[in-house]
């Protein structure tokens, strides 16, 4: 019985950590896209202001 409970607990903890990593990955990719878009936008605005 202890083995079954321990296995279920480990499966739950694995699922929990996988979901945290999945959400963290989405946040990191989203931040990367936002930073790239901001850099491109800033470059284009500066180019228009200078020339």
PDB file of N, CA and C in Angstrom:
ATOM      1  N   UNK A   1       0.816  -1.194   0.000  1.00  0.00           N
ATOM      2  CA  UNK A   1       0.000   0.000   0.000  1.00  0.00           C
ATOM      3  C   UNK A   1       0.861   1.261   0.000  1.00  0.00           C
ATOM      4  N   UNK A   2       1.943   1.215   0.794  1.00  0.00           N
ATOM      5  CA  UNK A   2       2.835   2.372   0.826  1.00  0.00           C
ATOM      6  C   UNK A   2       3.474   2.624  -0.536  1.00  0.00           C
ATOM      7  N   UNK A   3       3.754   1.535  -1.242  1.00  0.00           N
ATOM      8  CA  UNK A   3       4.371   1.674  -2.571  1.00  0.00           C
ATOM      9  C   UNK A   3       3.408   2.366  -3.536  1.00  0.00           C
ATOM     10  N   UNK A   4       2.111   2.015  -3.479  1.00  0.00           N
ATOM     11  CA  UNK A   4       1.113   2.634  -4.361  1.00  0.00           C
ATOM     12  C   UNK A   4       0.974   4.120  -4.039  1.00  0.00           C
ATOM     13  N   UNK A   5       0.890   4.461  -2.754  1.00  0.00           N
ATOM     14  CA  UNK A   5       0.754   5.864  -2.347  1.00  0.00           C
ATOM     15  C   UNK A   5       2.000   6.652  -2.751  1.00  0.00           C
ATOM     16  N   UNK A   6       3.161   6.061  -2.558  1.00  0.00           N
ATOM     17  CA  UNK A   6       4.412   6.732  -2.931  1.00  0.00           C
ATOM     18  C   UNK A   6       4.487   6.952  -4.441  1.00  0.00           C
ATOM     19  N   UNK A   7       4.064   5.968  -5.215  1.00  0.00           N
ATOM     20  CA  UNK A   7       4.071   6.106  -6.675  1.00  0.00           C
ATOM     21  C   UNK A   7       3.105   7.202  -7.129  1.00  0.00           C
ATOM     22  N   UNK A   8       1.902   7.229  -6.546  1.00  0.00           N
ATOM     23  CA  UNK A   8       0.933   8.267  -6.901  1.00  0.00           C
ATOM     24  C   UNK A   8       1.433   9.656  -6.516  1.00  0.00           C
ATOM     25  N   UNK A   9       2.081   9.747  -5.342  1.00  0.00           N
ATOM     26  CA  UNK A   9       2.622  11.036  -4.910  1.00  0.00           C
ATOM     27  C   UNK A   9       3.718  11.506  -5.872  1.00  0.00           C
ATOM     28  N   UNK A  10       4.594  10.602  -6.270  1.00  0.00           N
ATOM     29  CA  UNK A  10       5.652  10.965  -7.211  1.00  0.00           C
ATOM     30  C   UNK A  10       5.083  11.374  -8.570  1.00  0.00           C
ATOM     31  N   UNK A  11       4.034  10.679  -9.033  1.00  0.00           N
ATOM     32  CA  UNK A  11       3.413  11.048 -10.307  1.00  0.00           C
ATOM     33  C   UNK A  11       2.799  12.439 -10.229  1.00  0.00           C
ATOM     34  N   UNK A  12       2.126  12.749  -9.108  1.00  0.00           N
ATOM     35  CA  UNK A  12       1.526  14.069  -8.941  1.00  0.00           C
ATOM     36  C   UNK A  12       2.597  15.156  -8.921  1.00  0.00           C
ATOM     37  N   UNK A  13       3.695  14.913  -8.194  1.00  0.00           N
ATOM     38  CA  UNK A  13       4.770  15.902  -8.130  1.00  0.00           C
ATOM     39  C   UNK A  13       5.425  16.097  -9.500  1.00  0.00           C
ATOM     40  N   UNK A  14       5.579  15.028 -10.263  1.00  0.00           N
ATOM     41  CA  UNK A  14       6.130  15.138 -11.616  1.00  0.00           C
ATOM     42  C   UNK A  14       5.204  15.954 -12.517  1.00  0.00           C
ATOM     43  N   UNK A  15       3.905  15.698 -12.450  1.00  0.00           N
ATOM     44  CA  UNK A  15       2.962  16.463 -13.260  1.00  0.00           C
ATOM     45  C   UNK A  15       2.972  17.932 -12.869  1.00  0.00           C
ATOM     46  N   UNK A  16       3.041  18.205 -11.567  1.00  0.00           N
ATOM     47  CA  UNK A  16       3.066  19.584 -11.086  1.00  0.00           C
ATOM     48  C   UNK A  16       4.313  20.315 -11.590  1.00  0.00           C
ATOM     49  N   UNK A  17       5.472  19.666 -11.503  1.00  0.00           N
ATOM     50  CA  UNK A  17       6.703  20.317 -11.959  1.00  0.00           C
ATOM     51  C   UNK A  17       6.714  20.476 -13.482  1.00  0.00           C
ATOM     52  N   UNK A  18       6.118  19.519 -14.206  1.00  0.00           N
ATOM     53  CA  UNK A  18       6.050  19.660 -15.665  1.00  0.00           C
ATOM     54  C   UNK A  18       5.169  20.840 -16.058  1.00  0.00           C
ATOM     55  N   UNK A  19       4.046  21.026 -15.360  1.00  0.00           N
ATOM     56  CA  UNK A  19       3.166  22.146 -15.692  1.00  0.00           C
ATOM     57  C   UNK A  19       3.832  23.473 -15.348  1.00  0.00           C
ATOM     58  N   UNK A  20       4.578  23.513 -14.231  1.00  0.00           N
ATOM     59  CA  UNK A  20       5.304  24.745 -13.895  1.00  0.00           C
ATOM     60  C   UNK A  20       6.344  25.063 -14.961  1.00  0.00           C
ATOM     61  N   UNK A  21       7.056  24.054 -15.437  1.00  0.00           N
ATOM     62  CA  UNK A  21       8.052  24.275 -16.481  1.00  0.00           C
ATOM     63  C   UNK A  21       7.423  24.706 -17.789  1.00  0.00           C
ATOM     64  N   UNK A  22       6.253  24.163 -18.101  1.00  0.00           N
ATOM     65  CA  UNK A  22       5.540  24.521 -19.329  1.00  0.00           C
ATOM     66  C   UNK A  22       5.132  25.991 -19.291  1.00  0.00           C
ATOM     67  N   UNK A  23       4.563  26.420 -18.156  1.00  0.00           N
ATOM     68  CA  UNK A  23       4.144  27.818 -18.006  1.00  0.00           C
ATOM     69  C   UNK A  23       5.363  28.734 -18.043  1.00  0.00           C
ATOM     70  N   UNK A  24       6.434  28.340 -17.365  1.00  0.00           N
ATOM     71  CA  UNK A  24       7.661  29.135 -17.360  1.00  0.00           C
ATOM     72  C   UNK A  24       8.221  29.281 -18.775  1.00  0.00           C
ATOM     73  N   UNK A  25       8.165  28.197 -19.557  1.00  0.00           N
ATOM     74  CA  UNK A  25       8.641  28.264 -20.937  1.00  0.00           C
ATOM     75  C   UNK A  25       7.818  29.226 -21.771  1.00  0.00           C
ATOM     76  N   UNK A  26       6.487  29.195 -21.606  1.00  0.00           N
ATOM     77  CA  UNK A  26       5.650  30.141 -22.338  1.00  0.00           C
ATOM     78  C   UNK A  26       5.969  31.579 -21.959  1.00  0.00           C
ATOM     79  N   UNK A  27       6.193  31.826 -20.664  1.00  0.00           N
ATOM     80  CA  UNK A  27       6.515  33.188 -20.221  1.00  0.00           C
ATOM     81  C   UNK A  27       7.840  33.642 -20.815  1.00  0.00           C
ATOM     82  N   UNK A  28       8.845  32.769 -20.825  1.00  0.00           N
ATOM     83  CA  UNK A  28      10.155  33.145 -21.358  1.00  0.00           C
ATOM     84  C   UNK A  28      10.091  33.414 -22.861  1.00  0.00           C
ATOM     85  N   UNK A  29       9.375  32.582 -23.607  1.00  0.00           N
ATOM     86  CA  UNK A  29       9.239  32.805 -25.050  1.00  0.00           C
ATOM     87  C   UNK A  29       8.472  34.087 -25.315  1.00  0.00           C
ATOM     88  N   UNK A  30       7.427  34.344 -24.524  1.00  0.00           N
ATOM     89  CA  UNK A  30       6.664  35.584 -24.678  1.00  0.00           C
ATOM     90  C   UNK A  30       7.518  36.813 -24.411  1.00  0.00           C
ATOM     91  N   UNK A  31       8.315  36.770 -23.348  1.00  0.00           N
ATOM     92  CA  UNK A  31       9.194  37.901 -23.046  1.00  0.00           C
ATOM     93  C   UNK A  31      10.229  38.101 -24.143  1.00  0.00           C
ATOM     94  N   UNK A  32      10.761  37.019 -24.690  1.00  0.00           N
ATOM     95  CA  UNK A  32      11.732  37.124 -25.771  1.00  0.00           C
ATOM     96  C   UNK A  32      11.108  37.806 -26.991  1.00  0.00           C
ATOM     97  N   UNK A  33       9.882  37.417 -27.346  1.00  0.00           N
ATOM     98  CA  UNK A  33       9.204  38.018 -28.493  1.00  0.00           C
ATOM     99  C   UNK A  33       8.936  39.498 -28.238  1.00  0.00           C
ATOM    100  N   UNK A  34       8.473  39.843 -27.026  1.00  0.00           N
ATOM    101  CA  UNK A  34       8.190  41.244 -26.700  1.00  0.00           C
ATOM    102  C   UNK A  34       9.456  42.084 -26.783  1.00  0.00           C
ATOM    103  N   UNK A  35      10.570  41.570 -26.266  1.00  0.00           N
ATOM    104  CA  UNK A  35      11.827  42.333 -26.294  1.00  0.00           C
ATOM    105  C   UNK A  35      12.303  42.518 -27.728  1.00  0.00           C
ATOM    106  N   UNK A  36      12.208  41.473 -28.563  1.00  0.00           N
ATOM    107  CA  UNK A  36      12.627  41.592 -29.961  1.00  0.00           C
ATOM    108  C   UNK A  36      11.769  42.612 -30.704  1.00  0.00           C
ATOM    109  N   UNK A  37      10.458  42.572 -30.499  1.00  0.00           N
ATOM    110  CA  UNK A  37       9.567  43.525 -31.162  1.00  0.00           C
ATOM    111  C   UNK A  37       9.868  44.944 -30.701  1.00  0.00           C
ATOM    112  N   UNK A  38      10.127  45.125 -29.391  1.00  0.00           N
ATOM    113  CA  UNK A  38      10.447  46.455 -28.874  1.00  0.00           C
ATOM    114  C   UNK A  38      11.751  46.975 -29.480  1.00  0.00           C
ATOM    115  N   UNK A  39      12.751  46.106 -29.627  1.00  0.00           N
ATOM    116  CA  UNK A  39      14.018  46.539 -30.229  1.00  0.00           C
ATOM    117  C   UNK A  39      13.840  46.927 -31.691  1.00  0.00           C
ATOM    118  N   UNK A  40      13.089  46.137 -32.442  1.00  0.00           N
ATOM    119  CA  UNK A  40      12.843  46.449 -33.861  1.00  0.00           C
ATOM    120  C   UNK A  40      12.067  47.752 -33.981  1.00  0.00           C
ATOM    121  N   UNK A  41      11.027  47.921 -33.153  1.00  0.00           N
ATOM    122  CA  UNK A  41      10.214  49.139 -33.187  1.00  0.00           C
ATOM    123  C   UNK A  41      11.062  50.359 -32.832  1.00  0.00           C
ATOM    124  N   UNK A  42      11.876  50.230 -31.781  1.00  0.00           N
ATOM    125  CA  UNK A  42      12.741  51.338 -31.387  1.00  0.00           C
ATOM    126  C   UNK A  42      13.750  51.683 -32.470  1.00  0.00           C
ATOM    127  N   UNK A  43      14.309  50.683 -33.119  1.00  0.00           N
ATOM    128  CA  UNK A  43      15.268  50.934 -34.196  1.00  0.00           C
ATOM    129  C   UNK A  43      14.604  51.681 -35.347  1.00  0.00           C
ATOM    130  N   UNK A  44      13.398  51.243 -35.723  1.00  0.00           N
ATOM    131  CA  UNK A  44      12.708  51.895 -36.842  1.00  0.00           C
ATOM    132  C   UNK A  44      12.291  53.320 -36.499  1.00  0.00           C
ATOM    133  N   UNK A  45      11.848  53.560 -35.272  1.00  0.00           N
ATOM    134  CA  UNK A  45      11.456  54.917 -34.866  1.00  0.00           C
ATOM    135  C   UNK A  45      12.670  55.830 -34.850  1.00  0.00           C
ATOM    136  N   UNK A  46      13.791  55.331 -34.296  1.00  0.00           N
ATOM    137  CA  UNK A  46      15.010  56.155 -34.270  1.00  0.00           C
ATOM    138  C   UNK A  46      15.495  56.463 -35.682  1.00  0.00           C
ATOM    139  N   UNK A  47      15.370  55.479 -36.569  1.00  0.00           N
ATOM    140  CA  UNK A  47      15.799  55.684 -37.960  1.00  0.00           C
ATOM    141  C   UNK A  47      14.942  56.771 -38.617  1.00  0.00           C
ATOM    142  N   UNK A  48      13.645  56.770 -38.329  1.00  0.00           N
ATOM    143  CA  UNK A  48      12.762  57.786 -38.910  1.00  0.00           C
ATOM    144  C   UNK A  48      13.020  59.163 -38.299  1.00  0.00           C
ATOM    145  N   UNK A  49      13.367  59.226 -37.033  1.00  0.00           N
ATOM    146  CA  UNK A  49      13.628  60.507 -36.399  1.00  0.00           C
ATOM    147  C   UNK A  49      14.942  61.122 -36.881  1.00  0.00           C
ATOM    148  N   UNK A  50      15.936  60.292 -37.121  1.00  0.00           N
ATOM    149  CA  UNK A  50      17.244  60.807 -37.527  1.00  0.00           C
ATOM    150  C   UNK A  50      17.235  61.218 -38.999  1.00  0.00           C
ATOM    151  N   UNK A  51      16.633  60.366 -39.858  1.00  0.00           N
ATOM    152  CA  UNK A  51      16.700  60.652 -41.292  1.00  0.00           C
ATOM    153  C   UNK A  51      15.440  61.292 -41.761  1.00  0.00           C
TER     154      UNK A  51
END
